[in-house]
Amino acid sequence: LARLASEGLVVAEGRSFTVPALSDGDIEDIYELRFLLEPQALREIAESRPKREALAPLRKALEEMRAAHEAGDGAEFMEANYRFRTEWMRRVPNRRLARAIELYADHVRYLRAFTLGDAEVRAAVLKGIKRLLGALEAGDGEAAAAAMLTHLAKAKSILLERNV
C-alpha cells in the first residue's frame, strides 16, 4: 500500500487507504503524459510488423467487447477492454515505456467503471479500438499513433465531462 500511495494510486487516511478523487487538473496532467507515451508505444508495435496470428488475442478481445456492447453488458465490456489493453501492452518493445504507461493509465482506471456502462461511450471506444487494431494489422506506425491520440482525446473528454 505504501508503494501505491507513493505512486498516487491510493491515499492514506489515518490507518486506512482510499482511492483518491481526481480533479479536472489531475485528469489533464495524466492525459498530457498519456498523449506523449501511448502513441509512441503503438507506433513501435506497428513498426515491428507483428504477424497476423500475434494480433489474434487483440482481435478476440475486440470481438468480446463488441458482443458485450450488443448485450448491454458494461461490466463484461470493461473486462474485454482490459484484456485488449493487456494484450497490446505485452507487445510494447520498450519495457520501460510500458511501465511508465501503466503507471499513469492506472490513475484513471477506476473512472472507467463510471463511463463504460453508457452505450454511447462503449460505441465510441469500439470505434477507436477498431481503428487502432486496423493500423497495427497494417503495420502502419503513424496511423497507429494517430489512432491512439484520437482514442485518448475522446477518453479524456468523456472523463472530464463526467468527472464529479
C-alpha atoms as a PDB file:
ATOM      1  CA  LEU A   1       0.000   0.000   0.000  1.00  0.00           C
ATOM      2  CA  ALA A   2       2.889   2.338   0.681  1.00  0.00           C
ATOM      3  CA  ARG A   3       4.147   1.848  -2.892  1.00  0.00           C
ATOM      4  CA  LEU A   4       0.655   2.526  -4.282  1.00  0.00           C
ATOM      5  CA  ALA A   5       0.431   5.647  -2.136  1.00  0.00           C
ATOM      6  CA  SER A   6       3.828   6.839  -3.393  1.00  0.00           C
ATOM      7  CA  GLU A   7       2.502   6.454  -6.960  1.00  0.00           C
ATOM      8  CA  GLY A   8      -0.684   8.344  -6.117  1.00  0.00           C
ATOM      9  CA  LEU A   9      -2.982   5.368  -6.691  1.00  0.00           C
ATOM     10  CA  VAL A  10      -4.226   5.354  -3.085  1.00  0.00           C
ATOM     11  CA  VAL A  11      -4.260   7.985  -0.342  1.00  0.00           C
ATOM     12  CA  ALA A  12      -3.538   7.306   3.320  1.00  0.00           C
ATOM     13  CA  GLU A  13      -6.341   8.489   5.577  1.00  0.00           C
ATOM     14  CA  GLY A  14      -5.367   7.731   9.149  1.00  0.00           C
ATOM     15  CA  ARG A  15      -4.905   3.973   9.354  1.00  0.00           C
ATOM     16  CA  SER A  16      -6.722   3.216   6.105  1.00  0.00           C
ATOM     17  CA  PHE A  17      -6.283   3.887   2.406  1.00  0.00           C
ATOM     18  CA  THR A  18      -8.773   5.149  -0.182  1.00  0.00           C
ATOM     19  CA  VAL A  19      -8.769   5.784  -3.915  1.00  0.00           C
ATOM     20  CA  PRO A  20      -8.058   9.485  -4.449  1.00  0.00           C
ATOM     21  CA  ALA A  21     -10.563  11.736  -6.143  1.00  0.00           C
ATOM     22  CA  LEU A  22      -9.161  13.161  -9.358  1.00  0.00           C
ATOM     23  CA  SER A  23      -9.722  16.797 -10.178  1.00  0.00           C
ATOM     24  CA  ASP A  24     -10.066  18.023 -13.736  1.00  0.00           C
ATOM     25  CA  GLY A  25      -6.473  19.272 -13.402  1.00  0.00           C
ATOM     26  CA  ASP A  26      -5.322  15.773 -12.405  1.00  0.00           C
ATOM     27  CA  ILE A  27      -7.036  14.308 -15.466  1.00  0.00           C
ATOM     28  CA  GLU A  28      -5.428  16.965 -17.682  1.00  0.00           C
ATOM     29  CA  ASP A  29      -1.981  16.179 -16.251  1.00  0.00           C
ATOM     30  CA  ILE A  30      -2.389  12.422 -16.594  1.00  0.00           C
ATOM     31  CA  TYR A  31      -3.613  12.674 -20.172  1.00  0.00           C
ATOM     32  CA  GLU A  32      -0.773  15.027 -21.085  1.00  0.00           C
ATOM     33  CA  LEU A  33       1.592  12.180 -20.180  1.00  0.00           C
ATOM     34  CA  ARG A  34      -0.545   9.530 -21.855  1.00  0.00           C
ATOM     35  CA  PHE A  35      -0.576  11.622 -25.074  1.00  0.00           C
ATOM     36  CA  LEU A  36       3.220  11.561 -25.049  1.00  0.00           C
ATOM     37  CA  LEU A  37       3.712   7.899 -24.159  1.00  0.00           C
ATOM     38  CA  GLU A  38       0.959   5.747 -25.628  1.00  0.00           C
ATOM     39  CA  PRO A  39       1.051   6.874 -29.266  1.00  0.00           C
ATOM     40  CA  GLN A  40       4.798   6.150 -29.323  1.00  0.00           C
ATOM     41  CA  ALA A  41       4.204   2.687 -27.864  1.00  0.00           C
ATOM     42  CA  LEU A  42       1.609   1.889 -30.540  1.00  0.00           C
ATOM     43  CA  ARG A  43       3.908   3.265 -33.228  1.00  0.00           C
ATOM     44  CA  GLU A  44       6.651   0.883 -32.048  1.00  0.00           C
ATOM     45  CA  ILE A  45       4.310  -2.100 -32.003  1.00  0.00           C
ATOM     46  CA  ALA A  46       3.040  -1.382 -35.520  1.00  0.00           C
ATOM     47  CA  GLU A  47       6.530  -0.770 -36.888  1.00  0.00           C
ATOM     48  CA  SER A  48       7.642  -4.149 -35.510  1.00  0.00           C
ATOM     49  CA  ARG A  49       5.225  -5.580 -38.089  1.00  0.00           C
ATOM     50  CA  PRO A  50       3.538  -8.157 -35.846  1.00  0.00           C
ATOM     51  CA  LYS A  51       2.331 -11.263 -37.636  1.00  0.00           C
ATOM     52  CA  ARG A  52      -1.411 -11.669 -38.043  1.00  0.00           C
ATOM     53  CA  GLU A  53      -1.522 -14.553 -35.556  1.00  0.00           C
ATOM     54  CA  ALA A  54       0.319 -12.438 -32.961  1.00  0.00           C
ATOM     55  CA  LEU A  55      -2.579  -9.978 -33.053  1.00  0.00           C
ATOM     56  CA  ALA A  56      -5.256 -12.664 -32.704  1.00  0.00           C
ATOM     57  CA  PRO A  57      -5.716 -12.018 -28.944  1.00  0.00           C
ATOM     58  CA  LEU A  58      -6.427  -8.342 -29.716  1.00  0.00           C
ATOM     59  CA  ARG A  59      -8.992  -9.302 -32.355  1.00  0.00           C
ATOM     60  CA  LYS A  60     -10.594 -11.724 -29.865  1.00  0.00           C
ATOM     61  CA  ALA A  61     -10.803  -9.040 -27.162  1.00  0.00           C
ATOM     62  CA  LEU A  62     -12.319  -6.597 -29.678  1.00  0.00           C
ATOM     63  CA  GLU A  63     -14.930  -9.198 -30.631  1.00  0.00           C
ATOM     64  CA  GLU A  64     -15.692  -9.774 -26.936  1.00  0.00           C
ATOM     65  CA  MET A  65     -16.127  -6.012 -26.478  1.00  0.00           C
ATOM     66  CA  ARG A  66     -18.479  -5.897 -29.464  1.00  0.00           C
ATOM     67  CA  ALA A  67     -20.563  -8.803 -28.100  1.00  0.00           C
ATOM     68  CA  ALA A  68     -20.720  -7.269 -24.616  1.00  0.00           C
ATOM     69  CA  HIS A  69     -21.749  -3.919 -26.095  1.00  0.00           C
ATOM     70  CA  GLU A  70     -24.536  -5.535 -28.110  1.00  0.00           C
ATOM     71  CA  ALA A  71     -25.701  -7.375 -24.980  1.00  0.00           C
ATOM     72  CA  GLY A  72     -25.634  -4.136 -22.977  1.00  0.00           C
ATOM     73  CA  ASP A  73     -23.144  -5.679 -20.534  1.00  0.00           C
ATOM     74  CA  GLY A  74     -20.938  -2.821 -19.354  1.00  0.00           C
ATOM     75  CA  ALA A  75     -19.015  -4.978 -16.859  1.00  0.00           C
ATOM     76  CA  GLU A  76     -18.027  -7.571 -19.467  1.00  0.00           C
ATOM     77  CA  PHE A  77     -17.206  -4.787 -21.922  1.00  0.00           C
ATOM     78  CA  MET A  78     -14.825  -3.319 -19.357  1.00  0.00           C
ATOM     79  CA  GLU A  79     -13.182  -6.708 -18.762  1.00  0.00           C
ATOM     80  CA  ALA A  80     -12.724  -7.270 -22.504  1.00  0.00           C
ATOM     81  CA  ASN A  81     -11.355  -3.731 -22.801  1.00  0.00           C
ATOM     82  CA  TYR A  82      -8.768  -4.539 -20.101  1.00  0.00           C
ATOM     83  CA  ARG A  83      -7.850  -7.727 -21.980  1.00  0.00           C
ATOM     84  CA  PHE A  84      -7.312  -5.708 -25.179  1.00  0.00           C
ATOM     85  CA  ARG A  85      -5.131  -3.241 -23.304  1.00  0.00           C
ATOM     86  CA  THR A  86      -3.158  -6.012 -21.611  1.00  0.00           C
ATOM     87  CA  GLU A  87      -2.511  -7.648 -24.980  1.00  0.00           C
ATOM     88  CA  TRP A  88      -1.235  -4.525 -26.721  1.00  0.00           C
ATOM     89  CA  MET A  89       0.839  -3.590 -23.690  1.00  0.00           C
ATOM     90  CA  ARG A  90       2.527  -7.026 -23.799  1.00  0.00           C
ATOM     91  CA  ARG A  91       3.704  -6.161 -27.300  1.00  0.00           C
ATOM     92  CA  VAL A  92       5.393  -2.848 -26.462  1.00  0.00           C
ATOM     93  CA  PRO A  93       9.081  -3.472 -27.287  1.00  0.00           C
ATOM     94  CA  ASN A  94      10.381  -0.907 -24.764  1.00  0.00           C
ATOM     95  CA  ARG A  95       9.513  -2.335 -21.325  1.00  0.00           C
ATOM     96  CA  ARG A  96      10.362   0.917 -19.516  1.00  0.00           C
ATOM     97  CA  LEU A  97       7.934   2.749 -21.766  1.00  0.00           C
ATOM     98  CA  ALA A  98       5.296   0.123 -20.965  1.00  0.00           C
ATOM     99  CA  ARG A  99       5.850   0.538 -17.207  1.00  0.00           C
ATOM    100  CA  ALA A 100       5.509   4.326 -17.473  1.00  0.00           C
ATOM    101  CA  ILE A 101       2.267   3.926 -19.434  1.00  0.00           C
ATOM    102  CA  GLU A 102       0.825   1.572 -16.846  1.00  0.00           C
ATOM    103  CA  LEU A 103       1.576   3.958 -14.005  1.00  0.00           C
ATOM    104  CA  TYR A 104      -0.450   6.804 -15.479  1.00  0.00           C
ATOM    105  CA  ALA A 105      -3.192   4.717 -17.058  1.00  0.00           C
ATOM    106  CA  ASP A 106      -3.912   3.157 -13.663  1.00  0.00           C
ATOM    107  CA  HIS A 107      -4.710   6.585 -12.241  1.00  0.00           C
ATOM    108  CA  VAL A 108      -7.876   6.800 -14.348  1.00  0.00           C
ATOM    109  CA  ARG A 109      -8.742   3.096 -14.486  1.00  0.00           C
ATOM    110  CA  TYR A 110     -11.395   3.294 -11.761  1.00  0.00           C
ATOM    111  CA  LEU A 111     -13.133   6.130 -13.626  1.00  0.00           C
ATOM    112  CA  ARG A 112     -13.888   3.745 -16.497  1.00  0.00           C
ATOM    113  CA  ALA A 113     -16.400   1.997 -14.247  1.00  0.00           C
ATOM    114  CA  PHE A 114     -18.452   5.192 -14.349  1.00  0.00           C
ATOM    115  CA  THR A 115     -18.292   5.588 -18.129  1.00  0.00           C
ATOM    116  CA  LEU A 116     -18.307   2.169 -19.823  1.00  0.00           C
ATOM    117  CA  GLY A 117     -21.825   1.416 -18.661  1.00  0.00           C
ATOM    118  CA  ASP A 118     -23.022   4.019 -21.172  1.00  0.00           C
ATOM    119  CA  ALA A 119     -23.837   2.609 -24.638  1.00  0.00           C
ATOM    120  CA  GLU A 120     -22.640   5.789 -26.406  1.00  0.00           C
ATOM    121  CA  VAL A 121     -19.301   5.629 -24.646  1.00  0.00           C
ATOM    122  CA  ARG A 122     -18.899   1.935 -25.482  1.00  0.00           C
ATOM    123  CA  ALA A 123     -19.674   2.661 -29.148  1.00  0.00           C
ATOM    124  CA  ALA A 124     -17.001   5.384 -29.212  1.00  0.00           C
ATOM    125  CA  VAL A 125     -14.472   3.058 -27.565  1.00  0.00           C
ATOM    126  CA  LEU A 126     -15.228   0.300 -30.084  1.00  0.00           C
ATOM    127  CA  LYS A 127     -14.746   2.707 -32.982  1.00  0.00           C
ATOM    128  CA  GLY A 128     -11.383   3.864 -31.633  1.00  0.00           C
ATOM    129  CA  ILE A 129     -10.111   0.374 -30.881  1.00  0.00           C
ATOM    130  CA  LYS A 130     -11.173  -0.949 -34.276  1.00  0.00           C
ATOM    131  CA  ARG A 131      -9.205   1.869 -35.950  1.00  0.00           C
ATOM    132  CA  LEU A 132      -6.211   1.164 -33.724  1.00  0.00           C
ATOM    133  CA  LEU A 133      -6.231  -2.567 -34.464  1.00  0.00           C
ATOM    134  CA  GLY A 134      -6.503  -1.869 -38.186  1.00  0.00           C
ATOM    135  CA  ALA A 135      -3.361   0.274 -38.041  1.00  0.00           C
ATOM    136  CA  LEU A 136      -1.493  -2.423 -36.093  1.00  0.00           C
ATOM    137  CA  GLU A 137      -2.538  -5.079 -38.603  1.00  0.00           C
ATOM    138  CA  ALA A 138      -1.356  -2.845 -41.453  1.00  0.00           C
ATOM    139  CA  GLY A 139       1.987  -2.258 -39.718  1.00  0.00           C
ATOM    140  CA  ASP A 140       1.384   1.494 -40.051  1.00  0.00           C
ATOM    141  CA  GLY A 141       3.137   3.199 -37.148  1.00  0.00           C
ATOM    142  CA  GLU A 142       1.916   6.698 -37.940  1.00  0.00           C
ATOM    143  CA  ALA A 143      -1.701   5.552 -38.270  1.00  0.00           C
ATOM    144  CA  ALA A 144      -1.419   3.586 -35.011  1.00  0.00           C
ATOM    145  CA  ALA A 145      -0.055   6.642 -33.197  1.00  0.00           C
ATOM    146  CA  ALA A 146      -2.773   8.867 -34.675  1.00  0.00           C
ATOM    147  CA  ALA A 147      -5.474   6.351 -33.751  1.00  0.00           C
ATOM    148  CA  MET A 148      -4.220   6.256 -30.170  1.00  0.00           C
ATOM    149  CA  LEU A 149      -4.117  10.053 -29.948  1.00  0.00           C
ATOM    150  CA  THR A 150      -7.706  10.260 -31.167  1.00  0.00           C
ATOM    151  CA  HIS A 151      -8.785   7.474 -28.800  1.00  0.00           C
ATOM    152  CA  LEU A 152      -7.115   9.139 -25.813  1.00  0.00           C
ATOM    153  CA  ALA A 153      -8.569  12.556 -26.667  1.00  0.00           C
ATOM    154  CA  LYS A 154     -12.062  11.059 -26.755  1.00  0.00           C
ATOM    155  CA  ALA A 155     -11.491   9.232 -23.452  1.00  0.00           C
ATOM    156  CA  LYS A 156     -10.198  12.409 -21.823  1.00  0.00           C
ATOM    157  CA  SER A 157     -13.185  14.452 -22.983  1.00  0.00           C
ATOM    158  CA  ILE A 158     -15.597  11.802 -21.669  1.00  0.00           C
ATOM    159  CA  LEU A 159     -13.832  11.677 -18.298  1.00  0.00           C
ATOM    160  CA  LEU A 160     -13.797  15.463 -17.969  1.00  0.00           C
ATOM    161  CA  GLU A 161     -17.476  15.622 -18.925  1.00  0.00           C
ATOM    162  CA  ARG A 162     -18.462  13.092 -16.280  1.00  0.00           C
ATOM    163  CA  ASN A 163     -15.954  13.830 -13.517  1.00  0.00           C
ATOM    164  CA  VAL A 164     -17.790  14.771 -10.359  1.00  0.00           C
END
